């Protein structure tokens, strides 16, 4: 889920130069769900296990320029595998495709993430790189590797389950304020609606999260932003091992010259990097 927000906000900024505020969320008190899927999830978060995910995400930004209403929409589709460590996602192997209403679809790319590193490739990127190299390495800074925030964490799931009510067997729905959902009172105004779907073992099969963010009183950069994330899970408990590409196949993003950098971006490498 963190990967979705980070990637889409960066892409939206490139597309329309809209300033994106820090996000936060707060929850409405609703009848608590009578299941404990958090324990079921935590039991899966052990080294050597993993899960497959398929995620469709979108952000729509409405803003006004010279008294004219404008809109930017960016969509992302992500599919692949998460490998767990002790209590978290330790590595990811994902195929990502992004598109916008203004620019159309970008070429898809593959990203492997582990630790603070992300390695990106596709056929066009490999062709543009120096002979023998086929992957570009980028290193995360700041708060760490956002790619490893794909999917729902146990803390996020615990909050949603606590603030959800049962719609039908195995399906729950809830709402929250943005500040409570993100545990950040400094965030702007916003509302979150979420749906959770579980199998007979109380393991997630799907999460749908819709977030609407409004500007604060001092901001005129946009009228509202709407985030949509629909994530499906399968193959819980499967044995998973994700390894970084061989060092001989990798080149650091920092070592790309201007010509090569332009070529790999045209081939699908994210203009602002994979994080």
Protein backbone atom coordinates (compact mmCIF):
# COMPACT_ATOMS: atom_id res chain seq x y z
CA UNK A 1 0.00 0.00 0.00
CA UNK A 2 2.84 2.43 0.77
CA UNK A 3 4.36 1.68 -2.63
CA UNK A 4 1.12 2.67 -4.32
CA UNK A 5 0.87 6.05 -2.58
CA UNK A 6 4.53 6.93 -3.04
CA UNK A 7 4.64 6.00 -6.74
CA UNK A 8 1.41 7.68 -7.72
CA UNK A 9 2.11 10.92 -5.89
CA UNK A 10 5.47 11.21 -7.65
CA UNK A 11 3.92 10.53 -11.07
CA UNK A 12 1.08 12.98 -10.49
CA UNK A 13 3.62 15.65 -9.60
CA UNK A 14 5.41 15.13 -12.92
CA UNK A 15 2.14 15.16 -14.87
CA UNK A 16 0.58 18.35 -13.50
CA UNK A 17 2.99 19.97 -11.00
CA UNK A 18 0.35 19.70 -8.27
CA UNK A 19 1.73 20.01 -4.74
CA UNK A 20 0.89 16.92 -2.66
CA UNK A 21 0.56 17.45 1.12
CA UNK A 22 1.60 15.01 3.81
CA UNK A 23 -1.14 12.44 4.35
CA UNK A 24 -2.82 11.30 7.52
CA UNK A 25 -6.06 9.63 8.55
CA UNK A 26 -8.64 9.25 11.35
CA UNK A 27 -11.22 6.56 11.95
CA UNK A 28 -14.92 6.61 12.61
CA UNK A 29 -16.02 4.32 15.41
CA UNK A 30 -17.91 1.44 13.88
CA UNK A 31 -18.89 -1.97 15.15
CA UNK A 32 -15.75 -4.11 15.48
CA UNK A 33 -15.45 -7.12 13.19
CA UNK A 34 -15.89 -10.40 15.11
CA UNK A 35 -12.85 -12.07 13.52
CA UNK A 36 -9.14 -11.95 14.27
CA UNK A 37 -7.40 -12.01 10.88
CA UNK A 38 -4.45 -10.05 12.30
CA UNK A 39 -3.14 -13.18 14.03
CA UNK A 40 -3.70 -15.13 10.81
CA UNK A 41 -1.61 -12.56 8.91
CA UNK A 42 1.16 -12.46 11.50
CA UNK A 43 1.44 -16.25 11.36
CA UNK A 44 2.36 -15.93 7.67
CA UNK A 45 5.09 -13.33 8.21
CA UNK A 46 8.00 -15.73 8.60
CA UNK A 47 11.17 -16.18 6.58
CA UNK A 48 10.81 -18.45 3.57
CA UNK A 49 7.10 -17.79 3.03
CA UNK A 50 5.35 -15.31 0.79
CA UNK A 51 2.23 -14.33 -1.12
CA UNK A 52 1.30 -13.31 -4.64
CA UNK A 53 -0.36 -9.93 -5.17
CA UNK A 54 -2.17 -8.22 -8.03
CA UNK A 55 -2.90 -4.56 -7.46
CA UNK A 56 -4.78 -1.97 -9.53
CA UNK A 57 -4.27 1.57 -8.30
CA UNK A 58 -5.29 5.03 -9.41
CA UNK A 59 -5.05 8.66 -8.40
CA UNK A 60 -7.29 11.42 -9.71
CA UNK A 61 -6.27 15.03 -9.04
CA UNK A 62 -8.80 17.82 -9.64
CA UNK A 63 -7.48 21.38 -9.74
CA UNK A 64 -8.28 24.77 -11.24
CA UNK A 65 -6.00 26.77 -13.51
CA UNK A 66 -6.99 30.22 -14.81
CA UNK A 67 -10.57 29.55 -13.71
CA UNK A 68 -10.62 26.36 -15.78
CA UNK A 69 -11.32 22.98 -14.13
CA UNK A 70 -8.57 20.44 -14.87
CA UNK A 71 -8.01 16.81 -13.99
CA UNK A 72 -5.03 14.46 -14.00
CA UNK A 73 -5.44 10.70 -13.62
CA UNK A 74 -2.63 8.18 -13.18
CA UNK A 75 -3.16 4.39 -13.09
CA UNK A 76 -0.78 1.68 -11.94
CA UNK A 77 -1.00 -2.09 -12.21
CA UNK A 78 1.37 -4.20 -10.12
CA UNK A 79 1.65 -7.98 -10.06
CA UNK A 80 4.20 -10.27 -8.48
CA UNK A 81 5.42 -11.89 -5.29
CA UNK A 82 6.26 -10.69 -1.79
CA UNK A 83 8.77 -12.64 0.33
CA UNK A 84 8.42 -12.33 4.09
CA UNK A 85 11.01 -11.93 6.80
CA UNK A 86 10.29 -11.94 10.50
CA UNK A 87 7.10 -9.90 10.82
CA UNK A 88 7.46 -7.94 7.58
CA UNK A 89 8.03 -7.99 3.82
CA UNK A 90 11.72 -8.69 3.26
CA UNK A 91 11.81 -8.71 -0.55
CA UNK A 92 9.58 -8.19 -3.57
CA UNK A 93 9.62 -9.23 -7.22
CA UNK A 94 7.05 -7.17 -9.11
CA UNK A 95 5.98 -6.22 -12.63
CA UNK A 96 4.75 -2.64 -12.81
CA UNK A 97 2.93 -0.68 -15.50
CA UNK A 98 1.89 2.97 -15.15
CA UNK A 99 -0.26 5.09 -17.43
CA UNK A 100 -1.79 8.55 -17.38
CA UNK A 101 -4.64 10.17 -19.25
CA UNK A 102 -2.23 12.80 -20.59
CA UNK A 103 0.71 10.59 -21.61
CA UNK A 104 -0.83 7.17 -22.19
CA UNK A 105 0.87 3.96 -21.04
CA UNK A 106 4.53 3.71 -20.13
CA UNK A 107 6.44 0.51 -20.99
CA UNK A 108 6.12 -2.01 -18.13
CA UNK A 109 9.16 -2.88 -16.05
CA UNK A 110 10.24 -5.47 -13.50
CA UNK A 111 11.59 -4.46 -10.09
CA UNK A 112 13.26 -6.60 -7.44
CA UNK A 113 13.54 -4.97 -4.02
CA UNK A 114 15.43 -6.02 -0.93
CA UNK A 115 16.95 -4.04 1.92
CA UNK A 116 17.42 -0.47 0.70
CA UNK A 117 17.95 -1.56 -2.91
CA UNK A 118 15.72 -1.75 -5.96
CA UNK A 119 16.78 -3.33 -9.26
CA UNK A 120 14.84 -2.45 -12.42
CA UNK A 121 14.85 -4.00 -15.88
CA UNK A 122 12.90 -4.69 -19.05
CA UNK A 123 13.99 -5.56 -22.57
CA UNK A 124 14.38 -1.92 -23.63
CA UNK A 125 16.33 -0.96 -20.51
CA UNK A 126 18.71 -3.91 -20.91
CA UNK A 127 19.32 -2.96 -24.55
CA UNK A 128 20.14 0.63 -23.61
CA UNK A 129 22.67 -0.28 -20.91
CA UNK A 130 26.39 -0.93 -21.43
CA UNK A 131 27.26 -4.39 -22.70
CA UNK A 132 26.74 -7.13 -20.13
CA UNK A 133 24.52 -5.01 -17.87
CA UNK A 134 20.75 -5.51 -17.76
CA UNK A 135 19.60 -4.14 -14.37
CA UNK A 136 19.69 -0.64 -12.88
CA UNK A 137 20.27 -0.39 -9.12
CA UNK A 138 18.77 2.42 -7.07
CA UNK A 139 19.25 2.86 -3.32
CA UNK A 140 16.48 4.15 -1.06
CA UNK A 141 17.08 7.04 1.30
CA UNK A 142 15.05 8.69 4.03
CA UNK A 143 12.36 6.40 5.41
CA UNK A 144 13.61 3.34 3.58
CA UNK A 145 12.40 1.10 0.77
CA UNK A 146 8.77 2.00 0.02
CA UNK A 147 8.49 -0.92 -2.41
CA UNK A 148 8.59 -3.26 0.58
CA UNK A 149 5.45 -1.50 1.83
CA UNK A 150 3.42 -3.27 -0.87
CA UNK A 151 0.35 -5.00 0.47
CA UNK A 152 -1.19 -4.45 3.90
CA UNK A 153 0.88 -4.51 7.09
CA UNK A 154 -0.41 -6.16 10.25
CA UNK A 155 -0.74 -2.72 11.88
CA UNK A 156 -2.83 -1.39 9.00
CA UNK A 157 -4.99 -4.51 9.02
CA UNK A 158 -5.49 -4.27 12.79
CA UNK A 159 -6.74 -0.69 12.46
CA UNK A 160 -9.13 -1.54 9.63
CA UNK A 161 -10.53 -4.65 11.32
CA UNK A 162 -11.09 -2.69 14.55
CA UNK A 163 -13.02 -0.03 12.68
CA UNK A 164 -15.03 -2.25 10.33
CA UNK A 165 -18.38 -3.99 10.46
CA UNK A 166 -19.47 -7.17 8.71
CA UNK A 167 -21.31 -6.78 5.41
CA UNK A 168 -21.62 -10.50 4.72
CA UNK A 169 -19.65 -13.61 5.58
CA UNK A 170 -15.96 -12.92 5.02
CA UNK A 171 -16.50 -9.29 3.95
CA UNK A 172 -16.10 -6.18 6.10
CA UNK A 173 -16.46 -2.47 5.46
CA UNK A 174 -15.33 0.59 7.39
CA UNK A 175 -14.62 4.30 7.19
CA UNK A 176 -12.03 6.56 8.78
CA UNK A 177 -10.69 10.06 8.85
CA UNK A 178 -7.37 10.46 7.07
CA UNK A 179 -5.48 11.55 10.20
CA UNK A 180 -6.54 8.49 12.20
CA UNK A 181 -5.85 6.04 9.39
CA UNK A 182 -2.26 7.32 9.09
CA UNK A 183 -1.86 8.09 12.81
CA UNK A 184 -0.76 11.63 11.92
CA UNK A 185 -2.75 14.57 13.28
CA UNK A 186 -0.80 17.04 11.15
CA UNK A 187 -2.24 15.68 7.89
CA UNK A 188 -4.83 17.48 5.83
CA UNK A 189 -8.54 16.84 5.66
CA UNK A 190 -9.57 13.54 4.14
CA UNK A 191 -11.81 10.49 4.33
CA UNK A 192 -11.05 6.79 3.85
CA UNK A 193 -13.40 3.95 2.97
CA UNK A 194 -12.17 0.36 2.97
CA UNK A 195 -13.46 -3.11 2.18
CA UNK A 196 -11.78 -6.30 3.43
CA UNK A 197 -12.35 -9.82 2.08
CA UNK A 198 -11.19 -12.99 3.87
CA UNK A 199 -11.09 -16.70 3.11
CA UNK A 200 -12.18 -19.42 5.53
CA UNK A 201 -8.79 -19.20 7.30
CA UNK A 202 -9.29 -15.47 7.95
CA UNK A 203 -6.51 -14.63 5.48
CA UNK A 204 -6.97 -11.68 3.19
CA UNK A 205 -8.04 -12.36 -0.37
CA UNK A 206 -8.68 -8.72 -1.29
CA UNK A 207 -8.52 -5.17 0.07
CA UNK A 208 -10.13 -2.12 -1.55
CA UNK A 209 -9.18 1.28 -0.12
CA UNK A 210 -10.56 4.61 -1.39
CA UNK A 211 -9.12 7.84 0.02
CA UNK A 212 -10.31 11.36 -0.71
CA UNK A 213 -7.93 14.17 0.30
CA UNK A 214 -8.94 17.83 0.50
CA UNK A 215 -6.56 20.82 0.57
CA UNK A 216 -6.03 22.70 3.81
CA UNK A 217 -7.23 26.28 4.11
CA UNK A 218 -3.90 27.70 2.93
CA UNK A 219 -3.56 25.51 -0.16
CA UNK A 220 -4.90 26.32 -3.62
CA UNK A 221 -2.75 23.81 -5.55
CA UNK A 222 -5.61 21.35 -6.04
CA UNK A 223 -9.30 20.94 -5.27
CA UNK A 224 -9.18 17.29 -4.21
CA UNK A 225 -7.26 14.06 -4.73
CA UNK A 226 -8.88 10.63 -4.86
CA UNK A 227 -6.75 7.50 -4.34
CA UNK A 228 -8.06 4.03 -5.20
CA UNK A 229 -6.24 0.78 -4.42
CA UNK A 230 -7.61 -2.70 -5.15
CA UNK A 231 -5.23 -5.47 -4.05
CA UNK A 232 -5.80 -9.21 -4.44
CA UNK A 233 -3.83 -11.88 -2.57
CA UNK A 234 -3.29 -15.55 -3.39
CA UNK A 235 -0.98 -18.40 -2.45
CA UNK A 236 -0.50 -17.57 1.21
CA UNK A 237 2.15 -19.77 2.80
CA UNK A 238 3.94 -20.71 -0.41
CA UNK A 239 7.72 -21.13 -0.23
CA UNK A 240 9.28 -18.00 -1.72
CA UNK A 241 12.89 -16.99 -2.32
CA UNK A 242 13.74 -13.72 -4.04
CA UNK A 243 17.36 -12.94 -4.81
CA UNK A 244 19.01 -9.80 -6.12
CA UNK A 245 20.39 -9.96 -9.68
CA UNK A 246 24.01 -11.01 -10.10
CA UNK A 247 26.36 -8.09 -9.43
CA UNK A 248 27.91 -8.51 -12.89
CA UNK A 249 24.51 -7.70 -14.46
CA UNK A 250 23.90 -4.55 -12.41
CA UNK A 251 24.82 -0.90 -12.92
CA UNK A 252 24.14 1.85 -10.41
CA UNK A 253 21.70 4.57 -11.48
CA UNK A 254 24.32 7.11 -10.37
CA UNK A 255 26.74 5.82 -13.01
CA UNK A 256 24.39 6.40 -15.96
CA UNK A 257 25.50 9.15 -18.31
CA UNK A 258 22.96 11.62 -19.70
CA UNK A 259 22.47 9.78 -23.00
CA UNK A 260 21.96 6.39 -21.33
CA UNK A 261 19.66 7.84 -18.69
CA UNK A 262 17.43 9.38 -21.36
CA UNK A 263 17.37 6.06 -23.23
CA UNK A 264 16.36 3.95 -20.20
CA UNK A 265 13.63 6.43 -19.20
CA UNK A 266 12.23 6.22 -22.72
CA UNK A 267 12.36 2.41 -22.38
CA UNK A 268 10.27 2.51 -19.18
CA UNK A 269 12.61 3.25 -16.28
CA UNK A 270 10.74 5.56 -13.84
CA UNK A 271 11.90 9.15 -14.39
CA UNK A 272 12.17 9.78 -10.65
CA UNK A 273 13.36 6.29 -9.78
CA UNK A 274 11.44 3.22 -8.58
CA UNK A 275 10.75 4.38 -5.00
